[in-house]
Amino acid sequence: MSSPSSFAPLVDTLGPTHVPHAPVIESAGGLVWRVRDGELQVRLVHRPRYDDWSWPKGKLDPGETFQTAAVREVAEETGKPVILGVPLPGLQYLTPEGRVKRVHYWAAQQAKRVRDAGPLAARAPVPPVSPDEIDATEWLGVEEAARRVTRKADRGPLAALVEEYTHGRLSTRVVVIARHGKAVTRAAWHGAEQDRPLTPAGHAQSVALVPVLAAYGVNTVVTSRWDRCAQTIAPYAQAAGLDTISIDHLSEAQHERSPSRVARTVRELLESERSTVLCTHRPVLPTVLDVLGQHSRRPVANALPTRDPFLEPGEMLVAHVADTPKGPRVLAAEKVAPPLH
């Protein structure tokens, strides 16, 4: 299971449970939003079993990440696929059965058929839930939604969503920085360094990246040309039907000669209107993170990784980027380590 850790100042990662020895139920969902006639609207679902109105959400399946569960549950309960945006404060509460339920939320928008065709193709099919579970969904203005939700605690994520919208921080894209999966060690490899491949565990990590990248709507794939990076990102590119952009200077050797070229590439990706994944190597990460820090809100910049190895093999840093009058800004960041099955 991935950690929902985030560097965004708004995000409550829920922290440790406050009920010792109580079993924990991990859940995820989304606040799906849109703007109609200048009004911010959100989508609620009605559960007939409890006769309540709430945000679409549900429990994680075995081996599922929070992000993958969030998009699956929203699609099941609303009938529409979504793309995740910035993380929102989560909730933690005690159920009547004495279990601790933790719910992780993201802002989300309904996917667009053309723009998001690749990420949607990379996802597993999602059948709708039974009407016995969800019998109605409704778009409401945020004030009406705050009145309609049954649990008062559900107003917390909504308040955070409204604050982000008010400050122009809700329309975002992502730049995902991925470190290649676990590779064969240098001592065990007798070929050229650029040809050193992934181990079986590394290949498993590369497959595990697919649903997470799809959840964030990644539609551009950029990678170092060296095999271990190309192999890490290949399963997603193939599943999404996307071409891979291979760049020589993202390799360890080329970066050592000219880190400024890597920095320029990262700046270009931040300025792009498309959501992108960039796969590279541990020695390249300090340059990448330095550029991200220069374009981040201060709380995010201060929390970016600063110690080697920065990211573990197969781990990702998801940077949520918005356009501002001063250029692209990273508003929130999340570390994601997809589970191995």
Protein backbone atom coordinates (compact mmCIF):
# COMPACT_ATOMS: atom_id res chain seq x y z
CA MET A 1 0.00 0.00 0.00
CA SER A 2 1.34 3.43 -0.81
CA SER A 3 1.80 6.09 1.78
CA PRO A 4 -0.54 9.06 1.38
CA SER A 5 2.26 11.33 2.56
CA SER A 6 2.10 14.81 1.13
CA PHE A 7 4.01 18.03 1.50
CA ALA A 8 0.98 20.26 0.82
CA PRO A 9 0.20 22.61 3.72
CA LEU A 10 -3.53 21.88 3.49
CA VAL A 11 -3.18 18.15 3.71
CA ASP A 12 -4.00 16.23 6.87
CA THR A 13 -2.36 12.84 6.42
CA LEU A 14 -4.56 11.63 9.29
CA GLY A 15 -1.62 10.66 11.46
CA PRO A 16 -1.59 7.68 13.82
CA THR A 17 -4.89 6.36 15.07
CA HIS A 18 -5.96 7.55 18.49
CA VAL A 19 -7.58 4.27 19.55
CA PRO A 20 -4.90 1.75 20.59
CA HIS A 21 -5.28 -1.73 19.07
CA ALA A 22 -8.44 -0.80 17.16
CA PRO A 23 -8.61 -2.32 13.65
CA VAL A 24 -8.20 0.28 10.91
CA ILE A 25 -10.24 0.58 7.72
CA GLU A 26 -8.40 2.52 5.01
CA SER A 27 -10.63 4.30 2.48
CA ALA A 28 -10.24 6.84 -0.29
CA GLY A 29 -12.46 9.07 -2.37
CA GLY A 30 -12.80 12.36 -4.15
CA LEU A 31 -14.56 15.70 -4.13
CA VAL A 32 -15.55 15.94 -7.78
CA TRP A 33 -15.91 19.57 -8.83
CA ARG A 34 -16.88 21.68 -11.80
CA VAL A 35 -17.74 25.31 -12.54
CA ARG A 36 -21.12 26.11 -14.11
CA ASP A 37 -22.15 29.69 -14.89
CA GLY A 38 -19.40 30.95 -12.61
CA GLU A 39 -20.50 28.75 -9.69
CA LEU A 40 -18.31 26.10 -8.08
CA GLN A 41 -20.28 22.86 -7.82
CA VAL A 42 -19.49 19.50 -6.23
CA ARG A 43 -20.99 16.06 -6.61
CA LEU A 44 -22.63 14.19 -3.73
CA VAL A 45 -23.89 10.62 -3.60
CA HIS A 46 -26.82 9.18 -1.64
CA ARG A 47 -26.56 5.84 0.17
CA PRO A 48 -30.03 4.35 0.72
CA ARG A 49 -28.77 1.92 3.36
CA TYR A 50 -27.86 4.82 5.63
CA ASP A 51 -30.11 7.44 4.00
CA ASP A 52 -27.18 9.87 3.95
CA TRP A 53 -25.44 12.20 1.51
CA SER A 54 -21.65 12.07 1.33
CA TRP A 55 -18.62 12.23 -0.94
CA PRO A 56 -18.00 9.20 -3.16
CA LYS A 57 -15.50 6.96 -1.37
CA GLY A 58 -14.83 3.39 -0.36
CA LYS A 59 -12.44 0.86 1.12
CA LEU A 60 -9.16 -0.09 -0.52
CA ASP A 61 -9.00 -3.43 -2.27
CA PRO A 62 -6.04 -5.66 -1.29
CA GLY A 63 -2.79 -4.30 -2.71
CA GLU A 64 -4.45 -1.09 -3.95
CA THR A 65 -2.99 2.39 -3.51
CA PHE A 66 -5.04 5.23 -2.06
CA GLN A 67 -5.00 7.00 -5.43
CA THR A 68 -6.20 3.99 -7.39
CA ALA A 69 -8.93 3.31 -4.84
CA ALA A 70 -10.08 6.93 -5.00
CA VAL A 71 -10.61 6.96 -8.77
CA ARG A 72 -12.16 3.49 -8.75
CA GLU A 73 -14.64 4.33 -5.99
CA VAL A 74 -15.66 7.62 -7.59
CA ALA A 75 -16.21 5.89 -10.94
CA GLU A 76 -18.23 3.11 -9.30
CA GLU A 77 -20.47 5.46 -7.34
CA THR A 78 -20.97 8.27 -9.89
CA GLY A 79 -20.66 6.30 -13.12
CA LYS A 80 -18.02 8.72 -14.45
CA PRO A 81 -14.21 8.38 -14.48
CA VAL A 82 -12.21 11.19 -12.89
CA ILE A 83 -8.68 12.57 -12.80
CA LEU A 84 -7.17 13.33 -9.41
CA GLY A 85 -6.06 16.85 -8.51
CA VAL A 86 -4.61 18.24 -5.30
CA PRO A 87 -4.89 16.22 -2.09
CA LEU A 88 -7.42 17.45 0.47
CA PRO A 89 -7.67 16.98 4.24
CA GLY A 90 -8.64 13.48 5.23
CA LEU A 91 -10.97 12.27 7.95
CA GLN A 92 -10.58 9.79 10.77
CA TYR A 93 -13.39 8.54 12.99
CA LEU A 94 -14.58 5.59 15.05
CA THR A 95 -17.27 3.38 13.52
CA PRO A 96 -20.15 1.94 15.59
CA GLU A 97 -18.33 -1.42 15.45
CA GLY A 98 -15.32 0.07 17.21
CA ARG A 99 -13.06 0.26 14.18
CA VAL A 100 -11.08 3.32 13.11
CA LYS A 101 -11.97 4.51 9.61
CA ARG A 102 -9.48 6.69 7.78
CA VAL A 103 -10.59 8.39 4.56
CA HIS A 104 -8.11 10.03 2.17
CA TYR A 105 -9.52 12.62 -0.24
CA TRP A 106 -8.44 14.38 -3.42
CA ALA A 107 -10.01 17.09 -5.50
CA ALA A 108 -11.09 15.47 -8.77
CA GLN A 109 -12.53 16.42 -12.13
CA GLN A 110 -14.49 14.34 -14.57
CA ALA A 111 -12.17 12.91 -17.21
CA LYS A 112 -12.31 14.26 -20.76
CA ARG A 113 -12.77 11.63 -23.45
CA VAL A 114 -10.09 12.92 -25.85
CA ARG A 115 -7.52 14.52 -23.54
CA ASP A 116 -7.59 11.64 -21.06
CA ALA A 117 -7.98 8.76 -23.52
CA GLY A 118 -4.55 7.34 -22.69
CA PRO A 119 -4.86 7.34 -18.89
CA LEU A 120 -8.38 5.90 -19.13
CA ALA A 121 -7.16 3.11 -21.42
CA ALA A 122 -4.55 2.21 -18.80
CA ARG A 123 -7.19 1.66 -16.09
CA ALA A 124 -9.03 -1.54 -15.29
CA PRO A 125 -12.75 -1.55 -16.17
CA VAL A 126 -15.00 -0.29 -13.37
CA PRO A 127 -18.56 -1.64 -13.15
CA PRO A 128 -21.14 0.63 -11.50
CA VAL A 129 -22.32 -0.14 -7.99
CA SER A 130 -25.75 -1.55 -7.27
CA PRO A 131 -28.62 0.93 -6.74
CA ASP A 132 -28.89 -0.65 -3.30
CA GLU A 133 -25.54 0.96 -2.49
CA ILE A 134 -25.85 4.31 -4.34
CA ASP A 135 -29.27 5.32 -5.63
CA ALA A 136 -28.68 8.99 -6.52
CA THR A 137 -25.98 11.52 -7.31
CA GLU A 138 -26.40 15.27 -7.46
CA TRP A 139 -24.39 18.34 -8.45
CA LEU A 140 -24.80 21.14 -5.90
CA GLY A 141 -23.35 24.55 -5.22
CA VAL A 142 -20.89 24.46 -2.35
CA GLU A 143 -23.18 26.19 0.16
CA GLU A 144 -26.03 23.79 -0.55
CA ALA A 145 -23.59 20.86 -0.46
CA ALA A 146 -22.38 21.95 2.99
CA ARG A 147 -25.98 21.87 4.19
CA ARG A 148 -26.77 18.58 2.46
CA VAL A 149 -23.89 16.40 3.69
CA THR A 150 -25.06 14.25 6.57
CA ARG A 151 -21.77 14.12 8.49
CA LYS A 152 -20.58 17.53 9.65
CA ALA A 153 -16.98 16.32 9.34
CA ASP A 154 -17.47 16.08 5.56
CA ARG A 155 -17.54 19.87 5.47
CA GLY A 156 -13.81 19.94 6.26
CA PRO A 157 -12.58 18.66 2.88
CA LEU A 158 -15.19 20.88 1.20
CA ALA A 159 -13.88 23.98 3.00
CA ALA A 160 -10.36 23.15 1.80
CA LEU A 161 -11.62 22.69 -1.76
CA VAL A 162 -13.37 26.07 -1.66
CA GLU A 163 -10.23 27.75 -0.30
CA GLU A 164 -8.13 26.32 -3.12
CA TYR A 165 -10.70 27.49 -5.66
CA THR A 166 -10.89 30.97 -4.13
CA HIS A 167 -7.12 31.36 -4.47
CA GLY A 168 -7.02 30.00 -8.01
CA ARG A 169 -5.27 26.80 -6.96
CA LEU A 170 -7.78 24.15 -8.00
CA SER A 171 -7.06 23.78 -11.73
CA THR A 172 -3.83 21.81 -11.74
CA ARG A 173 -1.79 19.32 -13.71
CA VAL A 174 0.97 17.02 -12.50
CA VAL A 175 4.65 16.56 -13.13
CA VAL A 176 5.55 13.14 -11.72
CA ILE A 177 9.20 12.44 -10.98
CA ALA A 178 9.84 8.69 -10.96
CA ARG A 179 13.06 6.98 -9.96
CA HIS A 180 13.61 3.83 -12.00
CA GLY A 181 12.78 0.49 -10.43
CA LYS A 182 15.25 -1.78 -8.71
CA ALA A 183 18.06 -2.63 -11.13
CA VAL A 184 20.68 -5.36 -11.33
CA THR A 185 23.67 -4.26 -9.26
CA ARG A 186 26.79 -2.94 -10.94
CA ALA A 187 28.80 -5.77 -9.38
CA ALA A 188 26.55 -8.39 -10.95
CA TRP A 189 26.38 -6.74 -14.38
CA HIS A 190 29.14 -7.20 -16.95
CA GLY A 191 27.70 -5.23 -19.84
CA ALA A 192 27.55 -1.52 -20.64
CA GLU A 193 26.20 0.68 -17.84
CA GLN A 194 23.41 2.08 -20.00
CA ASP A 195 22.20 -1.48 -20.65
CA ARG A 196 21.95 -2.51 -16.99
CA PRO A 197 18.37 -3.82 -16.66
CA LEU A 198 15.72 -4.08 -13.99
CA THR A 199 15.51 -7.05 -11.66
CA PRO A 200 12.26 -9.05 -11.44
CA ALA A 201 11.33 -6.85 -8.45
CA GLY A 202 12.04 -3.77 -10.58
CA HIS A 203 9.76 -5.05 -13.32
CA ALA A 204 7.04 -5.61 -10.70
CA GLN A 205 7.52 -2.01 -9.55
CA SER A 206 7.14 -0.78 -13.13
CA VAL A 207 3.80 -2.56 -13.46
CA ALA A 208 2.65 -1.16 -10.12
CA LEU A 209 3.22 2.40 -11.39
CA VAL A 210 0.57 2.02 -14.11
CA PRO A 211 -2.68 2.56 -12.15
CA VAL A 212 -1.19 5.42 -10.12
CA LEU A 213 -0.04 7.35 -13.20
CA ALA A 214 -3.44 6.69 -14.77
CA ALA A 215 -5.20 8.07 -11.68
CA TYR A 216 -3.38 11.39 -12.12
CA GLY A 217 -4.13 11.56 -15.85
CA VAL A 218 -0.53 11.42 -17.07
CA ASN A 219 -0.54 11.82 -20.84
CA THR A 220 3.13 12.52 -21.61
CA VAL A 221 5.99 10.10 -20.90
CA VAL A 222 9.58 11.36 -20.69
CA THR A 223 12.52 9.17 -19.70
CA SER A 224 16.26 8.71 -19.65
CA ARG A 225 17.31 6.60 -22.59
CA TRP A 226 19.12 4.09 -20.35
CA ASP A 227 17.44 0.70 -20.16
CA ARG A 228 16.47 0.65 -16.50
CA CYS A 229 14.49 3.88 -16.88
CA ALA A 230 12.97 2.91 -20.22
CA GLN A 231 11.90 -0.44 -18.76
CA THR A 232 10.37 1.25 -15.71
CA ILE A 233 8.07 3.48 -17.71
CA ALA A 234 7.32 1.10 -20.60
CA PRO A 235 4.31 -0.67 -19.02
CA TYR A 236 2.46 2.62 -18.53
CA ALA A 237 3.32 3.93 -21.99
CA GLN A 238 2.10 0.68 -23.53
CA ALA A 239 -1.09 0.51 -21.45
CA ALA A 240 -1.94 4.14 -22.24
CA GLY A 241 -0.93 3.93 -25.90
CA LEU A 242 1.53 6.81 -25.50
CA ASP A 243 4.80 7.44 -27.28
CA THR A 244 7.86 7.64 -25.04
CA ILE A 245 10.14 10.67 -25.30
CA SER A 246 13.67 9.41 -24.59
CA ILE A 247 16.21 12.09 -23.66
CA ASP A 248 19.95 11.42 -23.51
CA HIS A 249 20.80 14.13 -20.98
CA LEU A 250 18.51 12.58 -18.34
CA SER A 251 21.05 9.76 -17.95
CA GLU A 252 23.60 9.73 -15.14
CA ALA A 253 26.57 10.30 -17.44
CA GLN A 254 25.07 13.16 -19.44
CA HIS A 255 23.73 14.84 -16.31
CA GLU A 256 27.21 14.83 -14.80
CA ARG A 257 28.50 16.67 -17.87
CA SER A 258 25.65 19.18 -18.10
CA PRO A 259 23.12 19.39 -15.24
CA SER A 260 21.82 22.65 -16.73
CA ARG A 261 20.22 20.70 -19.58
CA VAL A 262 18.28 18.59 -17.08
CA ALA A 263 17.17 21.75 -15.26
CA ARG A 264 15.95 23.24 -18.52
CA THR A 265 13.94 20.10 -19.31
CA VAL A 266 12.24 20.16 -15.89
CA ARG A 267 11.33 23.84 -16.34
CA GLU A 268 9.84 23.04 -19.74
CA LEU A 269 7.73 20.26 -18.25
CA LEU A 270 6.46 22.58 -15.51
CA GLU A 271 5.43 25.08 -18.20
CA SER A 272 3.70 22.44 -20.32
CA GLU A 273 -0.08 22.19 -20.23
CA ARG A 274 0.10 18.39 -20.18
CA SER A 275 0.47 16.07 -17.21
CA THR A 276 3.84 14.36 -17.45
CA VAL A 277 5.93 11.62 -15.89
CA LEU A 278 9.72 11.96 -15.99
CA CYS A 279 11.73 8.83 -15.16
CA THR A 280 15.37 9.29 -14.23
CA HIS A 281 18.22 8.17 -11.94
CA ARG A 282 19.16 8.85 -8.32
CA PRO A 283 22.21 11.06 -9.15
CA VAL A 284 19.96 13.26 -11.33
CA LEU A 285 17.32 13.83 -8.64
CA PRO A 286 19.06 16.72 -6.79
CA THR A 287 18.95 18.84 -9.95
CA VAL A 288 15.32 17.91 -10.61
CA LEU A 289 14.28 18.66 -7.03
CA ASP A 290 16.16 21.96 -7.02
CA VAL A 291 14.12 23.17 -10.00
CA LEU A 292 10.89 21.97 -8.39
CA GLY A 293 11.81 23.83 -5.21
CA GLN A 294 12.43 27.05 -7.12
CA HIS A 295 8.89 26.81 -8.52
CA SER A 296 7.13 25.69 -5.32
CA ARG A 297 5.14 27.37 -2.60
CA ARG A 298 7.48 27.82 0.35
CA PRO A 299 5.94 25.10 2.59
CA VAL A 300 6.20 22.62 -0.28
CA ALA A 301 9.75 23.64 -1.19
CA ASN A 302 10.86 23.31 2.43
CA ALA A 303 9.51 19.76 2.63
CA LEU A 304 10.95 18.35 -0.60
CA PRO A 305 13.46 15.50 -0.11
CA THR A 306 16.97 16.74 0.60
CA ARG A 307 18.79 13.57 1.65
CA ASP A 308 20.20 10.84 -0.52
CA PRO A 309 18.59 8.70 -1.98
CA PHE A 310 15.77 11.31 -2.30
CA LEU A 311 13.44 8.65 -3.75
CA GLU A 312 13.66 4.90 -3.34
CA PRO A 313 13.74 2.70 -6.47
CA GLY A 314 10.29 2.68 -8.04
CA GLU A 315 9.08 5.59 -5.90
CA MET A 316 7.44 8.71 -7.32
CA LEU A 317 7.09 12.35 -6.35
CA VAL A 318 3.82 13.81 -7.67
CA ALA A 319 4.03 17.60 -8.06
CA HIS A 320 0.70 19.41 -8.53
CA VAL A 321 1.29 22.43 -10.76
CA ALA A 322 -0.87 25.48 -11.45
CA ASP A 323 -0.33 28.50 -13.68
CA THR A 324 0.06 31.80 -11.82
CA PRO A 325 0.95 35.36 -12.90
CA LYS A 326 4.53 34.53 -11.87
CA GLY A 327 4.61 31.34 -13.91
CA PRO A 328 4.04 27.68 -12.99
CA ARG A 329 3.95 26.93 -9.26
CA VAL A 330 4.02 23.61 -7.42
CA LEU A 331 1.12 23.84 -4.97
CA ALA A 332 1.37 20.39 -3.39
CA ALA A 333 3.53 17.30 -3.61
CA GLU A 334 2.99 13.67 -2.71
CA LYS A 335 5.35 10.73 -2.39
CA VAL A 336 3.90 7.49 -3.71
CA ALA A 337 5.45 4.04 -3.44
CA PRO A 338 3.15 1.60 -5.26
CA PRO A 339 2.83 -1.79 -3.56
CA LEU A 340 4.28 -4.97 -4.98
CA HIS A 341 1.83 -7.84 -5.42
